Amino acid sequence: MNLKLSAESEAFVAEQLASGQYPDEAAVVEAALRHLHAEQQWKAYAAAAIDEGLEQSERGKFVSAEEIEALLNKYIREPAQ
């Protein structure tokens, strides 16, 4: 596979190579793709969690801010054993 990168991206790849963190251009691109993949997975997970929370809220299943504060205060006062 041959890629044509923008001048800005080429400069970034060159900086990464100069840092010594990557042995070659392919390693920089592979790392970038791993990060992109992880970011996409995180976004999908977060979107699903938000949707689930909204659905629970619509069904009246939620915890008020006061209840959360009380739980946090309880855990602060009573350390885990």
PDB file of N, CA and C in Angstrom:
ATOM      1  N   MET A   1       0.849  -1.173   0.000  1.00  0.00           N
ATOM      2  CA  MET A   1       0.000   0.000   0.000  1.00  0.00           C
ATOM      3  C   MET A   1       0.893   1.234   0.000  1.00  0.00           C
ATOM      4  N   ASN A   2       0.586   2.155  -0.863  1.00  0.00           N
ATOM      5  CA  ASN A   2       1.297   3.428  -0.899  1.00  0.00           C
ATOM      6  C   ASN A   2       0.356   4.516  -0.422  1.00  0.00           C
ATOM      7  N   LEU A   3       0.865   5.387   0.424  1.00  0.00           N
ATOM      8  CA  LEU A   3       0.059   6.480   0.958  1.00  0.00           C
ATOM      9  C   LEU A   3       0.669   7.814   0.575  1.00  0.00           C
ATOM     10  N   LYS A   4      -0.181   8.777   0.300  1.00  0.00           N
ATOM     11  CA  LYS A   4       0.265  10.148   0.061  1.00  0.00           C
ATOM     12  C   LYS A   4      -0.244  10.968   1.235  1.00  0.00           C
ATOM     13  N   LEU A   5       0.682  11.496   2.029  1.00  0.00           N
ATOM     14  CA  LEU A   5       0.325  12.279   3.208  1.00  0.00           C
ATOM     15  C   LEU A   5       0.479  13.761   2.927  1.00  0.00           C
ATOM     16  N   SER A   6      -0.256  14.551   3.677  1.00  0.00           N
ATOM     17  CA  SER A   6      -0.093  16.003   3.579  1.00  0.00           C
ATOM     18  C   SER A   6       1.290  16.365   4.114  1.00  0.00           C
ATOM     19  N   ALA A   7       1.741  17.555   3.776  1.00  0.00           N
ATOM     20  CA  ALA A   7       3.045  18.019   4.262  1.00  0.00           C
ATOM     21  C   ALA A   7       3.062  18.042   5.786  1.00  0.00           C
ATOM     22  N   GLU A   8       1.957  18.453   6.380  1.00  0.00           N
ATOM     23  CA  GLU A   8       1.870  18.496   7.846  1.00  0.00           C
ATOM     24  C   GLU A   8       2.001  17.099   8.450  1.00  0.00           C
ATOM     25  N   SER A   9       1.317  16.121   7.855  1.00  0.00           N
ATOM     26  CA  SER A   9       1.402  14.750   8.360  1.00  0.00           C
ATOM     27  C   SER A   9       2.791  14.167   8.154  1.00  0.00           C
ATOM     28  N   GLU A  10       3.398  14.458   7.005  1.00  0.00           N
ATOM     29  CA  GLU A  10       4.761  13.986   6.757  1.00  0.00           C
ATOM     30  C   GLU A  10       5.728  14.564   7.782  1.00  0.00           C
ATOM     31  N   ALA A  11       5.545  15.833   8.124  1.00  0.00           N
ATOM     32  CA  ALA A  11       6.410  16.464   9.130  1.00  0.00           C
ATOM     33  C   ALA A  11       6.215  15.798  10.487  1.00  0.00           C
ATOM     34  N   PHE A  12       4.979  15.461  10.816  1.00  0.00           N
ATOM     35  CA  PHE A  12       4.712  14.797  12.091  1.00  0.00           C
ATOM     36  C   PHE A  12       5.371  13.419  12.126  1.00  0.00           C
ATOM     37  N   VAL A  13       5.254  12.675  11.040  1.00  0.00           N
ATOM     38  CA  VAL A  13       5.898  11.360  10.963  1.00  0.00           C
ATOM     39  C   VAL A  13       7.403  11.519  11.137  1.00  0.00           C
ATOM     40  N   ALA A  14       7.983  12.502  10.487  1.00  0.00           N
ATOM     41  CA  ALA A  14       9.423  12.747  10.604  1.00  0.00           C
ATOM     42  C   ALA A  14       9.803  13.071  12.049  1.00  0.00           C
ATOM     43  N   GLU A  15       8.979  13.866  12.732  1.00  0.00           N
ATOM     44  CA  GLU A  15       9.239  14.182  14.149  1.00  0.00           C
ATOM     45  C   GLU A  15       9.212  12.917  15.000  1.00  0.00           C
ATOM     46  N   GLN A  16       8.252  12.049  14.726  1.00  0.00           N
ATOM     47  CA  GLN A  16       8.142  10.813  15.496  1.00  0.00           C
ATOM     48  C   GLN A  16       9.350   9.908  15.256  1.00  0.00           C
ATOM     49  N   LEU A  17       9.806   9.851  14.019  1.00  0.00           N
ATOM     50  CA  LEU A  17      11.000   9.056  13.713  1.00  0.00           C
ATOM     51  C   LEU A  17      12.224   9.645  14.402  1.00  0.00           C
ATOM     52  N   ALA A  18      12.341  10.962  14.382  1.00  0.00           N
ATOM     53  CA  ALA A  18      13.485  11.627  15.010  1.00  0.00           C
ATOM     54  C   ALA A  18      13.499  11.412  16.518  1.00  0.00           C
ATOM     55  N   SER A  19      12.332  11.200  17.107  1.00  0.00           N
ATOM     56  CA  SER A  19      12.269  10.981  18.559  1.00  0.00           C
ATOM     57  C   SER A  19      12.853   9.626  18.945  1.00  0.00           C
ATOM     58  N   GLY A  20      12.976   8.734  17.953  1.00  0.00           N
ATOM     59  CA  GLY A  20      13.511   7.407  18.225  1.00  0.00           C
ATOM     60  C   GLY A  20      12.477   6.430  18.752  1.00  0.00           C
ATOM     61  N   GLN A  21      11.248   6.876  18.864  1.00  0.00           N
ATOM     62  CA  GLN A  21      10.200   6.014  19.413  1.00  0.00           C
ATOM     63  C   GLN A  21       9.743   4.959  18.404  1.00  0.00           C
ATOM     64  N   TYR A  22       9.908   5.250  17.119  1.00  0.00           N
ATOM     65  CA  TYR A  22       9.451   4.339  16.069  1.00  0.00           C
ATOM     66  C   TYR A  22      10.610   4.033  15.129  1.00  0.00           C
ATOM     67  N   PRO A  23      10.689   2.781  14.657  1.00  0.00           N
ATOM     68  CA  PRO A  23      11.805   2.409  13.787  1.00  0.00           C
ATOM     69  C   PRO A  23      11.642   2.874  12.344  1.00  0.00           C
ATOM     70  N   ASP A  24      10.395   3.051  11.891  1.00  0.00           N
ATOM     71  CA  ASP A  24      10.171   3.453  10.504  1.00  0.00           C
ATOM     72  C   ASP A  24       8.783   4.072  10.344  1.00  0.00           C
ATOM     73  N   GLU A  25       8.525   4.566   9.135  1.00  0.00           N
ATOM     74  CA  GLU A  25       7.254   5.240   8.855  1.00  0.00           C
ATOM     75  C   GLU A  25       6.063   4.321   9.089  1.00  0.00           C
ATOM     76  N   ALA A  26       6.201   3.056   8.700  1.00  0.00           N
ATOM     77  CA  ALA A  26       5.097   2.111   8.855  1.00  0.00           C
ATOM     78  C   ALA A  26       4.703   1.963  10.323  1.00  0.00           C
ATOM     79  N   ALA A  27       5.679   1.972  11.210  1.00  0.00           N
ATOM     80  CA  ALA A  27       5.388   1.840  12.640  1.00  0.00           C
ATOM     81  C   ALA A  27       4.609   3.051  13.156  1.00  0.00           C
ATOM     82  N   VAL A  28       4.922   4.231  12.627  1.00  0.00           N
ATOM     83  CA  VAL A  28       4.188   5.444  13.020  1.00  0.00           C
ATOM     84  C   VAL A  28       2.739   5.329  12.560  1.00  0.00           C
ATOM     85  N   VAL A  29       2.542   4.917  11.314  1.00  0.00           N
ATOM     86  CA  VAL A  29       1.187   4.782  10.776  1.00  0.00           C
ATOM     87  C   VAL A  29       0.421   3.701  11.539  1.00  0.00           C
ATOM     88  N   GLU A  30       1.067   2.582  11.843  1.00  0.00           N
ATOM     89  CA  GLU A  30       0.412   1.511  12.609  1.00  0.00           C
ATOM     90  C   GLU A  30      -0.029   2.017  13.977  1.00  0.00           C
ATOM     91  N   ALA A  31       0.821   2.772  14.646  1.00  0.00           N
ATOM     92  CA  ALA A  31       0.467   3.319  15.960  1.00  0.00           C
ATOM     93  C   ALA A  31      -0.718   4.271  15.837  1.00  0.00           C
ATOM     94  N   ALA A  32      -0.697   5.098  14.804  1.00  0.00           N
ATOM     95  CA  ALA A  32      -1.806   6.035  14.593  1.00  0.00           C
ATOM     96  C   ALA A  32      -3.108   5.285  14.349  1.00  0.00           C
ATOM     97  N   LEU A  33      -3.045   4.218  13.572  1.00  0.00           N
ATOM     98  CA  LEU A  33      -4.247   3.429  13.302  1.00  0.00           C
ATOM     99  C   LEU A  33      -4.750   2.727  14.559  1.00  0.00           C
ATOM    100  N   ARG A  34      -3.833   2.247  15.402  1.00  0.00           N
ATOM    101  CA  ARG A  34      -4.258   1.634  16.677  1.00  0.00           C
ATOM    102  C   ARG A  34      -4.988   2.651  17.540  1.00  0.00           C
ATOM    103  N   HIS A  35      -4.448   3.867  17.596  1.00  0.00           N
ATOM    104  CA  HIS A  35      -5.091   4.926  18.380  1.00  0.00           C
ATOM    105  C   HIS A  35      -6.461   5.284  17.804  1.00  0.00           C
ATOM    106  N   LEU A  36      -6.558   5.363  16.492  1.00  0.00           N
ATOM    107  CA  LEU A  36      -7.831   5.667  15.845  1.00  0.00           C
ATOM    108  C   LEU A  36      -8.854   4.576  16.146  1.00  0.00           C
ATOM    109  N   HIS A  37      -8.426   3.334  16.060  1.00  0.00           N
ATOM    110  CA  HIS A  37      -9.317   2.208  16.343  1.00  0.00           C
ATOM    111  C   HIS A  37      -9.791   2.249  17.790  1.00  0.00           C
ATOM    112  N   ALA A  38      -8.879   2.492  18.715  1.00  0.00           N
ATOM    113  CA  ALA A  38      -9.243   2.570  20.134  1.00  0.00           C
ATOM    114  C   ALA A  38     -10.213   3.721  20.379  1.00  0.00           C
ATOM    115  N   GLU A  39      -9.974   4.856  19.729  1.00  0.00           N
ATOM    116  CA  GLU A  39     -10.870   6.011  19.887  1.00  0.00           C
ATOM    117  C   GLU A  39     -12.262   5.683  19.370  1.00  0.00           C
ATOM    118  N   GLN A  40     -12.355   5.009  18.230  1.00  0.00           N
ATOM    119  CA  GLN A  40     -13.656   4.640  17.682  1.00  0.00           C
ATOM    120  C   GLN A  40     -14.377   3.657  18.599  1.00  0.00           C
ATOM    121  N   GLN A  41     -13.637   2.706  19.166  1.00  0.00           N
ATOM    122  CA  GLN A  41     -14.248   1.762  20.105  1.00  0.00           C
ATOM    123  C   GLN A  41     -14.760   2.494  21.339  1.00  0.00           C
ATOM    124  N   TRP A  42     -13.972   3.433  21.854  1.00  0.00           N
ATOM    125  CA  TRP A  42     -14.384   4.196  23.026  1.00  0.00           C
ATOM    126  C   TRP A  42     -15.647   5.004  22.729  1.00  0.00           C
ATOM    127  N   LYS A  43     -15.689   5.649  21.576  1.00  0.00           N
ATOM    128  CA  LYS A  43     -16.862   6.443  21.208  1.00  0.00           C
ATOM    129  C   LYS A  43     -18.105   5.567  21.111  1.00  0.00           C
ATOM    130  N   ALA A  44     -17.972   4.381  20.539  1.00  0.00           N
ATOM    131  CA  ALA A  44     -19.113   3.466  20.438  1.00  0.00           C
ATOM    132  C   ALA A  44     -19.569   3.028  21.826  1.00  0.00           C
ATOM    133  N   TYR A  45     -18.620   2.703  22.702  1.00  0.00           N
ATOM    134  CA  TYR A  45     -18.951   2.307  24.071  1.00  0.00           C
ATOM    135  C   TYR A  45     -19.644   3.454  24.801  1.00  0.00           C
ATOM    136  N   ALA A  46     -19.092   4.659  24.696  1.00  0.00           N
ATOM    137  CA  ALA A  46     -19.658   5.814  25.389  1.00  0.00           C
ATOM    138  C   ALA A  46     -21.055   6.127  24.865  1.00  0.00           C
ATOM    139  N   ALA A  47     -21.251   6.056  23.554  1.00  0.00           N
ATOM    140  CA  ALA A  47     -22.570   6.327  22.978  1.00  0.00           C
ATOM    141  C   ALA A  47     -23.593   5.314  23.476  1.00  0.00           C
ATOM    142  N   ALA A  48     -23.200   4.039  23.548  1.00  0.00           N
ATOM    143  CA  ALA A  48     -24.113   3.008  24.049  1.00  0.00           C
ATOM    144  C   ALA A  48     -24.441   3.239  25.519  1.00  0.00           C
ATOM    145  N   ALA A  49     -23.446   3.615  26.305  1.00  0.00           N
ATOM    146  CA  ALA A  49     -23.672   3.873  27.731  1.00  0.00           C
ATOM    147  C   ALA A  49     -24.584   5.080  27.927  1.00  0.00           C
ATOM    148  N   ILE A  50     -24.390   6.108  27.119  1.00  0.00           N
ATOM    149  CA  ILE A  50     -25.249   7.297  27.202  1.00  0.00           C
ATOM    150  C   ILE A  50     -26.679   6.932  26.822  1.00  0.00           C
ATOM    151  N   ASP A  51     -26.835   6.175  25.740  1.00  0.00           N
ATOM    152  CA  ASP A  51     -28.176   5.750  25.326  1.00  0.00           C
ATOM    153  C   ASP A  51     -28.853   4.939  26.424  1.00  0.00           C
ATOM    154  N   GLU A  52     -28.105   4.028  27.036  1.00  0.00           N
ATOM    155  CA  GLU A  52     -28.658   3.217  28.119  1.00  0.00           C
ATOM    156  C   GLU A  52     -29.082   4.103  29.290  1.00  0.00           C
ATOM    157  N   GLY A  53     -28.252   5.063  29.639  1.00  0.00           N
ATOM    158  CA  GLY A  53     -28.583   5.969  30.732  1.00  0.00           C
ATOM    159  C   GLY A  53     -29.815   6.802  30.433  1.00  0.00           C
ATOM    160  N   LEU A  54     -29.933   7.274  29.200  1.00  0.00           N
ATOM    161  CA  LEU A  54     -31.111   8.052  28.814  1.00  0.00           C
ATOM    162  C   LEU A  54     -32.376   7.205  28.878  1.00  0.00           C
ATOM    163  N   GLU A  55     -32.279   5.960  28.406  1.00  0.00           N
ATOM    164  CA  GLU A  55     -33.432   5.059  28.464  1.00  0.00           C
ATOM    165  C   GLU A  55     -33.835   4.786  29.909  1.00  0.00           C
ATOM    166  N   GLN A  56     -32.851   4.566  30.773  1.00  0.00           N
ATOM    167  CA  GLN A  56     -33.148   4.335  32.184  1.00  0.00           C
ATOM    168  C   GLN A  56     -33.792   5.571  32.803  1.00  0.00           C
ATOM    169  N   SER A  57     -33.297   6.729  32.454  1.00  0.00           N
ATOM    170  CA  SER A  57     -33.849   7.978  32.976  1.00  0.00           C
ATOM    171  C   SER A  57     -35.301   8.151  32.545  1.00  0.00           C
ATOM    172  N   GLU A  58     -35.582   7.826  31.281  1.00  0.00           N
ATOM    173  CA  GLU A  58     -36.949   7.934  30.775  1.00  0.00           C
ATOM    174  C   GLU A  58     -37.894   6.981  31.495  1.00  0.00           C
ATOM    175  N   ARG A  59     -37.362   5.863  31.990  1.00  0.00           N
ATOM    176  CA  ARG A  59     -38.172   4.908  32.755  1.00  0.00           C
ATOM    177  C   ARG A  59     -38.213   5.264  34.237  1.00  0.00           C
ATOM    178  N   GLY A  60     -37.581   6.371  34.601  1.00  0.00           N
ATOM    179  CA  GLY A  60     -37.574   6.793  36.001  1.00  0.00           C
ATOM    180  C   GLY A  60     -36.518   6.112  36.843  1.00  0.00           C
ATOM    181  N   LYS A  61     -35.600   5.424  36.200  1.00  0.00           N
ATOM    182  CA  LYS A  61     -34.531   4.725  36.925  1.00  0.00           C
ATOM    183  C   LYS A  61     -33.279   5.588  36.912  1.00  0.00           C
ATOM    184  N   PHE A  62     -33.161   6.410  37.908  1.00  0.00           N
ATOM    185  CA  PHE A  62     -31.976   7.246  38.019  1.00  0.00           C
ATOM    186  C   PHE A  62     -31.724   7.553  39.484  1.00  0.00           C
ATOM    187  N   VAL A  63     -30.537   8.039  39.750  1.00  0.00           N
ATOM    188  CA  VAL A  63     -30.138   8.401  41.106  1.00  0.00           C
ATOM    189  C   VAL A  63     -29.959   9.916  41.117  1.00  0.00           C
ATOM    190  N   SER A  64     -30.529  10.555  42.120  1.00  0.00           N
ATOM    191  CA  SER A  64     -30.424  12.011  42.200  1.00  0.00           C
ATOM    192  C   SER A  64     -29.014  12.419  42.619  1.00  0.00           C
ATOM    193  N   ALA A  65     -28.698  13.665  42.377  1.00  0.00           N
ATOM    194  CA  ALA A  65     -27.394  14.198  42.779  1.00  0.00           C
ATOM    195  C   ALA A  65     -27.210  14.078  44.287  1.00  0.00           C
ATOM    196  N   GLU A  66     -28.280  14.283  45.032  1.00  0.00           N
ATOM    197  CA  GLU A  66     -28.202  14.176  46.490  1.00  0.00           C
ATOM    198  C   GLU A  66     -27.871  12.751  46.923  1.00  0.00           C
ATOM    199  N   GLU A  67     -28.468  11.763  46.239  1.00  0.00           N
ATOM    200  CA  GLU A  67     -28.185  10.363  46.570  1.00  0.00           C
ATOM    201  C   GLU A  67     -26.734  10.006  46.240  1.00  0.00           C
ATOM    202  N   ILE A  68     -26.250  10.499  45.137  1.00  0.00           N
ATOM    203  CA  ILE A  68     -24.852  10.243  44.766  1.00  0.00           C
ATOM    204  C   ILE A  68     -23.918  10.874  45.788  1.00  0.00           C
ATOM    205  N   GLU A  69     -24.212  12.104  46.175  1.00  0.00           N
ATOM    206  CA  GLU A  69     -23.380  12.784  47.168  1.00  0.00           C
ATOM    207  C   GLU A  69     -23.371  12.016  48.486  1.00  0.00           C
ATOM    208  N   ALA A  70     -24.527  11.517  48.911  1.00  0.00           N
ATOM    209  CA  ALA A  70     -24.610  10.746  50.156  1.00  0.00           C
ATOM    210  C   ALA A  70     -23.783   9.467  50.054  1.00  0.00           C
ATOM    211  N   LEU A  71     -23.860   8.786  48.914  1.00  0.00           N
ATOM    212  CA  LEU A  71     -23.064   7.566  48.726  1.00  0.00           C
ATOM    213  C   LEU A  71     -21.572   7.870  48.756  1.00  0.00           C
ATOM    214  N   LEU A  72     -21.165   8.926  48.077  1.00  0.00           N
ATOM    215  CA  LEU A  72     -19.745   9.295  48.074  1.00  0.00           C
ATOM    216  C   LEU A  72     -19.271   9.651  49.474  1.00  0.00           C
ATOM    217  N   ASN A  73     -20.071  10.415  50.194  1.00  0.00           N
ATOM    218  CA  ASN A  73     -19.704  10.774  51.566  1.00  0.00           C
ATOM    219  C   ASN A  73     -19.589   9.541  52.445  1.00  0.00           C
ATOM    220  N   LYS A  74     -20.474   8.581  52.253  1.00  0.00           N
ATOM    221  CA  LYS A  74     -20.426   7.336  53.024  1.00  0.00           C
ATOM    222  C   LYS A  74     -19.105   6.610  52.763  1.00  0.00           C
ATOM    223  N   TYR A  75     -18.719   6.505  51.495  1.00  0.00           N
ATOM    224  CA  TYR A  75     -17.485   5.801  51.161  1.00  0.00           C
ATOM    225  C   TYR A  75     -16.251   6.554  51.644  1.00  0.00           C
ATOM    226  N   ILE A  76     -16.334   7.857  51.699  1.00  0.00           N
ATOM    227  CA  ILE A  76     -15.210   8.642  52.218  1.00  0.00           C
ATOM    228  C   ILE A  76     -15.058   8.415  53.715  1.00  0.00           C
ATOM    229  N   ARG A  77     -16.179   8.377  54.418  1.00  0.00           N
ATOM    230  CA  ARG A  77     -16.149   8.179  55.878  1.00  0.00           C
ATOM    231  C   ARG A  77     -15.819   6.744  56.253  1.00  0.00           C
ATOM    232  N   GLU A  78     -16.238   5.782  55.425  1.00  0.00           N
ATOM    233  CA  GLU A  78     -16.053   4.364  55.727  1.00  0.00           C
ATOM    234  C   GLU A  78     -15.165   3.734  54.661  1.00  0.00           C
ATOM    235  N   PRO A  79     -13.855   3.792  54.865  1.00  0.00           N
ATOM    236  CA  PRO A  79     -12.937   3.219  53.867  1.00  0.00           C
ATOM    237  C   PRO A  79     -13.214   1.731  53.638  1.00  0.00           C
ATOM    238  N   ALA A  80     -12.921   1.274  52.435  1.00  0.00           N
ATOM    239  CA  ALA A  80     -13.111  -0.141  52.090  1.00  0.00           C
ATOM    240  C   ALA A  80     -12.270  -1.020  52.996  1.00  0.00           C
ATOM    241  N   GLN A  81     -12.830  -2.166  53.306  1.00  0.00           N
ATOM    242  CA  GLN A  81     -12.118  -3.085  54.212  1.00  0.00           C
ATOM    243  C   GLN A  81     -11.574  -4.269  53.473  1.00  0.00           C
TER     244      GLN A  81
END
